[in-house]
Amino acid sequence: MSNTFAAIPPDDPARGLTLVHADDPQLPHIGIVGDTYTILVSGSDTGGRYCLIDMLIPHGGGPAPHRHDFEEMFTVLEGELEIIFRGATRTATVGTTVNVPANAPHAFKNVSNRPVRLLCLCVPAGQEEFFALIGAPVDSRTAPALELDAAEMKAFGAKSAALAPKYRTEISKP
């Protein structure tokens, strides 16, 4: 057995340091069915390796059950979240980190009376592109997403379902 290791590639000076603040108004702030997602670090910043998203989830908010072919990790910064993983329900409180393996069915919901704030890491990147396509820009990290009427919700669902496969995501039927 050989103890040789591949050499570390040279530094790529074309890639720069990413230094952002979640409340920077220049960041993409995206409203998605009541939740507000701020793209802190995109795949274009990381050579596609990962993305980091600041998520603000109001009472009752959170995505429908889904699964995707990439790793996803959350750290709860504020509030309390109900996580449904492969049908089992657990609670995540401030300071909790949740790792969702690729392809596992899951969902989360804010069942508390105050907003929940998460940092979400997706490996590899791409989820931030999906969110940008299905959501609507909002002014800030704390701005609420626009409320959708029944017709708009139906259109959102259809657009999400149509784009999901391109972003290695499968959304469960309610």
N, C-alpha and C. Protein backbone atom coordinates (compact mmCIF):
# COMPACT_ATOMS: atom_id res chain seq x y z
N MET A 1 0.85 -1.18 0.00
CA MET A 1 0.00 0.00 0.00
C MET A 1 0.90 1.25 0.00
N SER A 2 0.59 2.15 -0.86
CA SER A 2 1.41 3.35 -1.03
C SER A 2 0.95 4.45 -0.08
N ASN A 3 1.89 5.20 0.41
CA ASN A 3 1.58 6.35 1.26
C ASN A 3 1.73 7.66 0.50
N THR A 4 1.60 7.62 -0.81
CA THR A 4 1.70 8.85 -1.58
C THR A 4 0.33 9.50 -1.67
N PHE A 5 0.35 10.79 -1.62
CA PHE A 5 -0.88 11.56 -1.68
C PHE A 5 -0.78 12.53 -2.85
N ALA A 6 -1.92 12.85 -3.40
CA ALA A 6 -1.95 13.82 -4.49
C ALA A 6 -1.53 15.19 -3.95
N ALA A 7 -0.82 15.91 -4.74
CA ALA A 7 -0.38 17.25 -4.35
C ALA A 7 -1.58 18.18 -4.27
N ILE A 8 -1.53 19.10 -3.34
CA ILE A 8 -2.57 20.12 -3.24
C ILE A 8 -2.40 21.05 -4.43
N PRO A 9 -3.52 21.34 -5.13
CA PRO A 9 -3.41 22.24 -6.29
C PRO A 9 -2.90 23.62 -5.86
N PRO A 10 -2.33 24.35 -6.79
CA PRO A 10 -1.87 25.71 -6.46
C PRO A 10 -3.06 26.63 -6.18
N ASP A 11 -2.79 27.70 -5.51
CA ASP A 11 -3.80 28.71 -5.23
C ASP A 11 -4.36 29.23 -6.56
N ASP A 12 -5.65 29.52 -6.58
CA ASP A 12 -6.28 30.09 -7.76
C ASP A 12 -6.55 31.57 -7.48
N PRO A 13 -5.67 32.47 -7.92
CA PRO A 13 -5.84 33.89 -7.61
C PRO A 13 -7.09 34.51 -8.25
N ALA A 14 -7.71 33.79 -9.18
CA ALA A 14 -8.95 34.31 -9.77
C ALA A 14 -10.11 34.24 -8.77
N ARG A 15 -9.98 33.40 -7.74
CA ARG A 15 -11.01 33.30 -6.71
C ARG A 15 -10.62 34.19 -5.54
N GLY A 16 -11.54 35.03 -5.12
CA GLY A 16 -11.25 35.97 -4.04
C GLY A 16 -11.95 35.60 -2.75
N LEU A 17 -11.63 36.33 -1.73
CA LEU A 17 -12.26 36.19 -0.43
C LEU A 17 -13.71 36.66 -0.53
N THR A 18 -14.62 35.95 0.09
CA THR A 18 -16.01 36.39 0.19
C THR A 18 -16.24 36.83 1.62
N LEU A 19 -16.64 38.07 1.79
CA LEU A 19 -16.89 38.64 3.11
C LEU A 19 -18.23 39.36 3.03
N VAL A 20 -19.24 38.82 3.69
CA VAL A 20 -20.59 39.39 3.58
C VAL A 20 -21.20 39.55 4.96
N HIS A 21 -22.19 40.42 5.03
CA HIS A 21 -22.99 40.58 6.24
C HIS A 21 -24.43 40.29 5.84
N ALA A 22 -25.13 39.48 6.63
CA ALA A 22 -26.48 39.03 6.28
C ALA A 22 -27.45 40.18 6.02
N ASP A 23 -27.22 41.34 6.62
CA ASP A 23 -28.14 42.46 6.44
C ASP A 23 -27.74 43.40 5.31
N ASP A 24 -26.75 43.01 4.51
CA ASP A 24 -26.32 43.82 3.38
C ASP A 24 -27.47 43.90 2.37
N PRO A 25 -27.96 45.11 2.06
CA PRO A 25 -29.09 45.22 1.13
C PRO A 25 -28.74 44.80 -0.29
N GLN A 26 -27.44 44.69 -0.60
CA GLN A 26 -27.02 44.29 -1.95
C GLN A 26 -27.09 42.78 -2.16
N LEU A 27 -27.20 42.01 -1.09
CA LEU A 27 -27.31 40.55 -1.23
C LEU A 27 -28.66 40.18 -1.82
N PRO A 28 -28.75 39.04 -2.48
CA PRO A 28 -30.06 38.58 -2.93
C PRO A 28 -30.91 38.13 -1.74
N HIS A 29 -32.03 38.80 -1.53
CA HIS A 29 -33.01 38.45 -0.50
C HIS A 29 -34.23 37.95 -1.27
N ILE A 30 -34.62 36.71 -1.02
CA ILE A 30 -35.65 36.07 -1.84
C ILE A 30 -36.81 35.61 -0.97
N GLY A 31 -38.01 36.04 -1.34
CA GLY A 31 -39.22 35.59 -0.66
C GLY A 31 -39.76 34.34 -1.33
N ILE A 32 -39.99 33.32 -0.52
CA ILE A 32 -40.54 32.06 -1.04
C ILE A 32 -41.65 31.60 -0.13
N VAL A 33 -42.89 31.78 -0.58
CA VAL A 33 -44.10 31.35 0.12
C VAL A 33 -44.03 31.68 1.62
N GLY A 34 -43.76 32.93 1.93
CA GLY A 34 -43.76 33.38 3.32
C GLY A 34 -42.39 33.41 3.98
N ASP A 35 -41.46 32.58 3.53
CA ASP A 35 -40.11 32.56 4.10
C ASP A 35 -39.24 33.57 3.35
N THR A 36 -38.18 34.03 4.00
CA THR A 36 -37.22 34.93 3.35
C THR A 36 -35.84 34.30 3.42
N TYR A 37 -35.23 34.10 2.26
CA TYR A 37 -33.91 33.48 2.16
C TYR A 37 -32.93 34.51 1.61
N THR A 38 -31.81 34.67 2.30
CA THR A 38 -30.74 35.57 1.86
C THR A 38 -29.55 34.72 1.44
N ILE A 39 -29.12 34.89 0.22
CA ILE A 39 -27.97 34.13 -0.29
C ILE A 39 -26.70 34.82 0.20
N LEU A 40 -26.04 34.20 1.16
CA LEU A 40 -24.81 34.76 1.71
C LEU A 40 -23.60 34.43 0.84
N VAL A 41 -23.50 33.16 0.47
CA VAL A 41 -22.39 32.69 -0.35
C VAL A 41 -22.98 31.79 -1.43
N SER A 42 -22.74 32.12 -2.68
CA SER A 42 -23.31 31.36 -3.79
C SER A 42 -22.28 30.42 -4.40
N GLY A 43 -22.75 29.56 -5.25
CA GLY A 43 -21.85 28.66 -5.97
C GLY A 43 -20.84 29.42 -6.80
N SER A 44 -21.20 30.61 -7.28
CA SER A 44 -20.23 31.39 -8.06
C SER A 44 -19.09 31.89 -7.17
N ASP A 45 -19.32 31.98 -5.86
CA ASP A 45 -18.26 32.37 -4.92
C ASP A 45 -17.35 31.20 -4.54
N THR A 46 -17.86 29.96 -4.69
CA THR A 46 -17.15 28.78 -4.18
C THR A 46 -16.75 27.79 -5.26
N GLY A 47 -16.79 28.20 -6.51
CA GLY A 47 -16.49 27.27 -7.58
C GLY A 47 -17.48 26.12 -7.63
N GLY A 48 -18.73 26.37 -7.16
CA GLY A 48 -19.78 25.35 -7.18
C GLY A 48 -19.71 24.35 -6.04
N ARG A 49 -18.77 24.53 -5.14
CA ARG A 49 -18.58 23.55 -4.06
C ARG A 49 -19.72 23.55 -3.04
N TYR A 50 -20.24 24.74 -2.69
CA TYR A 50 -21.33 24.84 -1.72
C TYR A 50 -21.97 26.21 -1.83
N CYS A 51 -23.11 26.36 -1.16
CA CYS A 51 -23.74 27.66 -0.99
C CYS A 51 -24.18 27.77 0.47
N LEU A 52 -24.31 29.00 0.96
CA LEU A 52 -24.75 29.26 2.33
C LEU A 52 -25.89 30.25 2.27
N ILE A 53 -27.00 29.88 2.91
CA ILE A 53 -28.23 30.66 2.85
C ILE A 53 -28.69 30.98 4.26
N ASP A 54 -29.02 32.25 4.51
CA ASP A 54 -29.61 32.69 5.78
C ASP A 54 -31.12 32.60 5.57
N MET A 55 -31.81 31.82 6.41
CA MET A 55 -33.25 31.61 6.24
C MET A 55 -34.02 32.20 7.41
N LEU A 56 -35.04 32.99 7.12
CA LEU A 56 -35.94 33.53 8.13
C LEU A 56 -37.31 32.89 7.88
N ILE A 57 -37.75 32.12 8.86
CA ILE A 57 -38.97 31.34 8.72
C ILE A 57 -40.01 31.86 9.72
N PRO A 58 -41.12 32.47 9.26
CA PRO A 58 -42.13 32.97 10.19
C PRO A 58 -42.95 31.81 10.77
N HIS A 59 -43.76 32.12 11.76
CA HIS A 59 -44.65 31.12 12.35
C HIS A 59 -45.43 30.40 11.24
N GLY A 60 -45.41 29.09 11.27
CA GLY A 60 -46.13 28.29 10.27
C GLY A 60 -45.35 28.07 8.98
N GLY A 61 -44.21 28.74 8.82
CA GLY A 61 -43.46 28.64 7.58
C GLY A 61 -42.58 27.41 7.52
N GLY A 62 -42.01 27.22 6.35
CA GLY A 62 -41.12 26.09 6.08
C GLY A 62 -41.55 25.39 4.81
N PRO A 63 -40.65 24.64 4.20
CA PRO A 63 -40.94 23.99 2.93
C PRO A 63 -41.82 22.75 3.07
N ALA A 64 -42.47 22.41 1.98
CA ALA A 64 -43.24 21.16 1.91
C ALA A 64 -42.27 19.98 1.97
N PRO A 65 -42.75 18.79 2.28
CA PRO A 65 -41.87 17.62 2.25
C PRO A 65 -41.19 17.48 0.88
N HIS A 66 -39.90 17.18 0.93
CA HIS A 66 -39.11 17.09 -0.29
C HIS A 66 -37.86 16.26 -0.03
N ARG A 67 -37.13 16.00 -1.09
CA ARG A 67 -35.81 15.37 -0.96
C ARG A 67 -34.97 15.85 -2.13
N HIS A 68 -33.67 15.75 -1.98
CA HIS A 68 -32.78 16.21 -3.05
C HIS A 68 -31.47 15.45 -3.00
N ASP A 69 -30.82 15.43 -4.14
CA ASP A 69 -29.59 14.67 -4.31
C ASP A 69 -28.36 15.51 -3.99
N PHE A 70 -28.36 16.14 -2.82
CA PHE A 70 -27.20 16.87 -2.31
C PHE A 70 -27.35 16.97 -0.80
N GLU A 71 -26.24 17.20 -0.14
CA GLU A 71 -26.22 17.32 1.32
C GLU A 71 -26.75 18.69 1.72
N GLU A 72 -27.43 18.72 2.86
CA GLU A 72 -27.98 19.97 3.38
C GLU A 72 -27.81 19.99 4.90
N MET A 73 -27.32 21.10 5.42
CA MET A 73 -27.12 21.22 6.86
C MET A 73 -27.68 22.55 7.34
N PHE A 74 -28.38 22.51 8.47
CA PHE A 74 -28.94 23.71 9.09
C PHE A 74 -28.35 23.91 10.46
N THR A 75 -28.14 25.16 10.84
CA THR A 75 -27.85 25.51 12.23
C THR A 75 -28.89 26.54 12.64
N VAL A 76 -29.59 26.26 13.75
CA VAL A 76 -30.63 27.15 14.24
C VAL A 76 -29.98 28.28 15.02
N LEU A 77 -30.17 29.52 14.54
CA LEU A 77 -29.61 30.70 15.19
C LEU A 77 -30.60 31.36 16.14
N GLU A 78 -31.88 31.31 15.79
CA GLU A 78 -32.94 31.91 16.61
C GLU A 78 -34.18 31.04 16.47
N GLY A 79 -34.93 30.88 17.58
CA GLY A 79 -36.20 30.19 17.54
C GLY A 79 -36.11 28.68 17.69
N GLU A 80 -37.19 28.04 17.32
CA GLU A 80 -37.34 26.59 17.46
C GLU A 80 -38.06 26.04 16.24
N LEU A 81 -37.58 24.92 15.75
CA LEU A 81 -38.04 24.37 14.49
C LEU A 81 -38.43 22.91 14.66
N GLU A 82 -39.49 22.51 13.99
CA GLU A 82 -39.89 21.11 13.94
C GLU A 82 -39.30 20.52 12.66
N ILE A 83 -38.53 19.45 12.79
CA ILE A 83 -37.91 18.78 11.64
C ILE A 83 -38.63 17.45 11.44
N ILE A 84 -39.07 17.17 10.24
CA ILE A 84 -39.65 15.87 9.89
C ILE A 84 -38.64 15.19 8.98
N PHE A 85 -38.06 14.09 9.46
CA PHE A 85 -37.02 13.36 8.74
C PHE A 85 -37.45 11.91 8.61
N ARG A 86 -37.65 11.47 7.35
CA ARG A 86 -38.11 10.11 7.08
C ARG A 86 -39.33 9.75 7.92
N GLY A 87 -40.22 10.73 8.09
CA GLY A 87 -41.48 10.51 8.79
C GLY A 87 -41.43 10.73 10.29
N ALA A 88 -40.26 10.82 10.90
CA ALA A 88 -40.13 11.05 12.34
C ALA A 88 -39.96 12.54 12.61
N THR A 89 -40.59 13.02 13.67
CA THR A 89 -40.54 14.44 14.02
C THR A 89 -39.60 14.67 15.19
N ARG A 90 -38.77 15.68 15.04
CA ARG A 90 -37.84 16.08 16.10
C ARG A 90 -37.88 17.60 16.22
N THR A 91 -37.36 18.10 17.31
CA THR A 91 -37.30 19.54 17.54
C THR A 91 -35.85 20.01 17.51
N ALA A 92 -35.62 21.12 16.85
CA ALA A 92 -34.29 21.74 16.81
C ALA A 92 -34.41 23.13 17.43
N THR A 93 -33.61 23.39 18.45
CA THR A 93 -33.62 24.67 19.15
C THR A 93 -32.33 25.43 18.85
N VAL A 94 -32.23 26.65 19.38
CA VAL A 94 -31.05 27.49 19.16
C VAL A 94 -29.78 26.69 19.47
N GLY A 95 -28.83 26.76 18.54
CA GLY A 95 -27.56 26.08 18.71
C GLY A 95 -27.53 24.68 18.13
N THR A 96 -28.68 24.17 17.70
CA THR A 96 -28.75 22.83 17.14
C THR A 96 -28.33 22.86 15.67
N THR A 97 -27.53 21.88 15.28
CA THR A 97 -27.17 21.70 13.88
C THR A 97 -27.82 20.40 13.41
N VAL A 98 -28.44 20.45 12.25
CA VAL A 98 -29.15 19.32 11.67
C VAL A 98 -28.51 19.01 10.32
N ASN A 99 -28.05 17.79 10.14
CA ASN A 99 -27.50 17.37 8.85
C ASN A 99 -28.51 16.45 8.17
N VAL A 100 -28.92 16.80 6.96
CA VAL A 100 -29.85 15.99 6.18
C VAL A 100 -29.06 15.32 5.06
N PRO A 101 -28.94 13.99 5.11
CA PRO A 101 -28.20 13.30 4.05
C PRO A 101 -28.90 13.43 2.70
N ALA A 102 -28.12 13.38 1.65
CA ALA A 102 -28.67 13.43 0.29
C ALA A 102 -29.72 12.34 0.13
N ASN A 103 -30.78 12.65 -0.57
CA ASN A 103 -31.86 11.75 -0.98
C ASN A 103 -32.85 11.40 0.12
N ALA A 104 -32.66 11.86 1.35
CA ALA A 104 -33.57 11.53 2.45
C ALA A 104 -34.77 12.48 2.44
N PRO A 105 -35.99 11.94 2.54
CA PRO A 105 -37.17 12.81 2.60
C PRO A 105 -37.20 13.58 3.92
N HIS A 106 -37.53 14.87 3.81
CA HIS A 106 -37.56 15.72 4.99
C HIS A 106 -38.39 16.98 4.74
N ALA A 107 -38.68 17.68 5.82
CA ALA A 107 -39.35 18.97 5.78
C ALA A 107 -39.04 19.64 7.11
N PHE A 108 -39.32 20.91 7.21
CA PHE A 108 -39.25 21.57 8.51
C PHE A 108 -40.33 22.63 8.58
N LYS A 109 -40.71 22.95 9.81
CA LYS A 109 -41.79 23.92 10.01
C LYS A 109 -41.55 24.68 11.30
N ASN A 110 -41.84 25.97 11.25
CA ASN A 110 -41.78 26.79 12.45
C ASN A 110 -43.11 26.65 13.17
N VAL A 111 -43.10 25.94 14.29
CA VAL A 111 -44.31 25.75 15.09
C VAL A 111 -44.30 26.66 16.33
N SER A 112 -43.28 27.50 16.44
CA SER A 112 -43.20 28.42 17.57
C SER A 112 -43.95 29.71 17.23
N ASN A 113 -44.04 30.59 18.20
CA ASN A 113 -44.75 31.86 18.00
C ASN A 113 -43.85 33.00 17.56
N ARG A 114 -42.56 32.69 17.30
CA ARG A 114 -41.65 33.74 16.87
C ARG A 114 -40.87 33.25 15.65
N PRO A 115 -40.27 34.16 14.90
CA PRO A 115 -39.53 33.74 13.71
C PRO A 115 -38.35 32.83 14.07
N VAL A 116 -38.03 31.97 13.15
CA VAL A 116 -36.87 31.09 13.27
C VAL A 116 -35.85 31.56 12.24
N ARG A 117 -34.59 31.59 12.66
CA ARG A 117 -33.52 31.96 11.74
C ARG A 117 -32.52 30.81 11.67
N LEU A 118 -32.20 30.40 10.46
CA LEU A 118 -31.29 29.29 10.22
C LEU A 118 -30.17 29.72 9.29
N LEU A 119 -29.04 29.04 9.41
CA LEU A 119 -28.05 29.06 8.35
C LEU A 119 -28.15 27.71 7.67
N CYS A 120 -28.25 27.70 6.36
CA CYS A 120 -28.40 26.48 5.58
C CYS A 120 -27.22 26.35 4.62
N LEU A 121 -26.52 25.23 4.73
CA LEU A 121 -25.38 24.94 3.86
C LEU A 121 -25.78 23.80 2.93
N CYS A 122 -25.63 24.00 1.63
CA CYS A 122 -25.92 22.96 0.63
C CYS A 122 -24.64 22.62 -0.12
N VAL A 123 -24.36 21.31 -0.22
CA VAL A 123 -23.15 20.83 -0.88
C VAL A 123 -23.51 19.76 -1.88
N PRO A 124 -23.25 19.96 -3.18
CA PRO A 124 -22.67 21.15 -3.79
C PRO A 124 -23.70 22.28 -3.92
N ALA A 125 -23.25 23.40 -4.45
CA ALA A 125 -24.12 24.56 -4.66
C ALA A 125 -25.17 24.24 -5.73
N GLY A 126 -26.13 25.12 -5.84
CA GLY A 126 -27.17 25.02 -6.85
C GLY A 126 -28.54 25.34 -6.28
N GLN A 127 -28.75 25.03 -5.00
CA GLN A 127 -30.05 25.29 -4.38
C GLN A 127 -30.36 26.78 -4.39
N GLU A 128 -29.34 27.62 -4.24
CA GLU A 128 -29.56 29.06 -4.26
C GLU A 128 -30.07 29.53 -5.63
N GLU A 129 -29.66 28.86 -6.69
CA GLU A 129 -30.15 29.19 -8.04
C GLU A 129 -31.63 28.81 -8.16
N PHE A 130 -31.98 27.65 -7.64
CA PHE A 130 -33.38 27.20 -7.65
C PHE A 130 -34.25 28.22 -6.91
N PHE A 131 -33.82 28.62 -5.71
CA PHE A 131 -34.59 29.60 -4.94
C PHE A 131 -34.75 30.91 -5.69
N ALA A 132 -33.69 31.36 -6.35
CA ALA A 132 -33.76 32.62 -7.09
C ALA A 132 -34.76 32.55 -8.23
N LEU A 133 -34.90 31.38 -8.84
CA LEU A 133 -35.83 31.21 -9.96
C LEU A 133 -37.29 31.09 -9.52
N ILE A 134 -37.53 30.47 -8.36
CA ILE A 134 -38.92 30.26 -7.96
C ILE A 134 -39.44 31.34 -7.02
N GLY A 135 -38.53 32.09 -6.37
CA GLY A 135 -38.95 33.12 -5.42
C GLY A 135 -39.06 34.48 -6.06
N ALA A 136 -39.33 35.46 -5.20
CA ALA A 136 -39.44 36.86 -5.64
C ALA A 136 -38.52 37.71 -4.79
N PRO A 137 -37.79 38.65 -5.39
CA PRO A 137 -36.90 39.51 -4.59
C PRO A 137 -37.68 40.29 -3.53
N VAL A 138 -37.07 40.42 -2.35
CA VAL A 138 -37.60 41.28 -1.29
C VAL A 138 -36.47 42.23 -0.89
N ASP A 139 -36.80 43.26 -0.11
CA ASP A 139 -35.85 44.33 0.17
C ASP A 139 -34.74 43.99 1.16
N SER A 140 -34.99 43.06 2.08
CA SER A 140 -34.00 42.80 3.12
C SER A 140 -34.14 41.39 3.69
N ARG A 141 -33.20 41.01 4.54
CA ARG A 141 -33.23 39.70 5.18
C ARG A 141 -34.46 39.52 6.06
N THR A 142 -34.98 40.61 6.59
CA THR A 142 -36.12 40.53 7.50
C THR A 142 -37.45 40.91 6.85
N ALA A 143 -37.42 41.25 5.57
CA ALA A 143 -38.66 41.60 4.87
C ALA A 143 -39.49 40.34 4.65
N PRO A 144 -40.79 40.42 4.92
CA PRO A 144 -41.61 39.24 4.68
C PRO A 144 -41.80 39.00 3.18
N ALA A 145 -41.92 37.74 2.83
CA ALA A 145 -42.24 37.40 1.44
C ALA A 145 -43.66 37.85 1.15
N LEU A 146 -43.93 38.13 -0.11
CA LEU A 146 -45.28 38.52 -0.50
C LEU A 146 -46.25 37.37 -0.24
N GLU A 147 -47.44 37.71 0.23
CA GLU A 147 -48.47 36.68 0.40
C GLU A 147 -49.07 36.39 -0.96
N LEU A 148 -49.27 35.11 -1.23
CA LEU A 148 -49.80 34.69 -2.53
C LEU A 148 -51.25 34.28 -2.39
N ASP A 149 -52.06 34.68 -3.38
CA ASP A 149 -53.45 34.21 -3.39
C ASP A 149 -53.48 32.80 -3.97
N ALA A 150 -54.63 32.19 -4.06
CA ALA A 150 -54.76 30.79 -4.49
C ALA A 150 -54.18 30.57 -5.89
N ALA A 151 -54.46 31.49 -6.81
CA ALA A 151 -53.96 31.34 -8.17
C ALA A 151 -52.43 31.46 -8.20
N GLU A 152 -51.89 32.41 -7.44
CA GLU A 152 -50.43 32.58 -7.38
C GLU A 152 -49.76 31.37 -6.72
N MET A 153 -50.40 30.81 -5.70
CA MET A 153 -49.85 29.61 -5.05
C MET A 153 -49.82 28.44 -6.04
N LYS A 154 -50.87 28.31 -6.82
CA LYS A 154 -50.92 27.24 -7.82
C LYS A 154 -49.81 27.42 -8.85
N ALA A 155 -49.62 28.65 -9.30
CA ALA A 155 -48.56 28.94 -10.27
C ALA A 155 -47.18 28.68 -9.66
N PHE A 156 -46.99 29.07 -8.38
CA PHE A 156 -45.73 28.82 -7.70
C PHE A 156 -45.46 27.32 -7.62
N GLY A 157 -46.47 26.55 -7.25
CA GLY A 157 -46.33 25.10 -7.16
C GLY A 157 -45.97 24.48 -8.50
N ALA A 158 -46.60 24.94 -9.56
CA ALA A 158 -46.32 24.41 -10.90
C ALA A 158 -44.90 24.76 -11.33
N LYS A 159 -44.48 26.00 -11.08
CA LYS A 159 -43.12 26.42 -11.45
C LYS A 159 -42.08 25.64 -10.65
N SER A 160 -42.31 25.49 -9.36
CA SER A 160 -41.39 24.73 -8.51
C SER A 160 -41.27 23.29 -8.99
N ALA A 161 -42.40 22.66 -9.26
CA ALA A 161 -42.39 21.26 -9.72
C ALA A 161 -41.69 21.12 -11.06
N ALA A 162 -41.87 22.10 -11.95
CA ALA A 162 -41.23 22.03 -13.27
C ALA A 162 -39.72 22.21 -13.18
N LEU A 163 -39.24 23.08 -12.29
CA LEU A 163 -37.81 23.37 -12.18
C LEU A 163 -37.07 22.42 -11.24
N ALA A 164 -37.77 21.79 -10.32
CA ALA A 164 -37.13 20.95 -9.29
C ALA A 164 -36.20 19.89 -9.86
N PRO A 165 -36.58 19.13 -10.89
CA PRO A 165 -35.67 18.09 -11.37
C PRO A 165 -34.33 18.63 -11.87
N LYS A 166 -34.33 19.80 -12.47
CA LYS A 166 -33.08 20.40 -12.93
C LYS A 166 -32.13 20.65 -11.76
N TYR A 167 -32.69 20.90 -10.57
CA TYR A 167 -31.90 21.19 -9.38
C TYR A 167 -31.86 20.00 -8.42
N ARG A 168 -32.02 18.80 -8.99
CA ARG A 168 -31.89 17.53 -8.27
C ARG A 168 -32.79 17.47 -7.04
N THR A 169 -34.01 17.99 -7.18
CA THR A 169 -34.97 18.06 -6.09
C THR A 169 -36.27 17.40 -6.49
N GLU A 170 -36.90 16.74 -5.53
CA GLU A 170 -38.20 16.10 -5.72
C GLU A 170 -39.12 16.62 -4.62
N ILE A 171 -40.21 17.25 -5.01
CA ILE A 171 -41.15 17.81 -4.04
C ILE A 171 -42.31 16.83 -3.90
N SER A 172 -42.62 16.44 -2.66
CA SER A 172 -43.69 15.48 -2.41
C SER A 172 -45.04 16.13 -2.62
N LYS A 173 -45.99 15.34 -3.05
CA LYS A 173 -47.37 15.81 -3.19
C LYS A 173 -47.98 15.93 -1.79
N PRO A 174 -48.75 17.01 -1.53
CA PRO A 174 -49.37 17.16 -0.20
C PRO A 174 -50.40 16.09 0.07
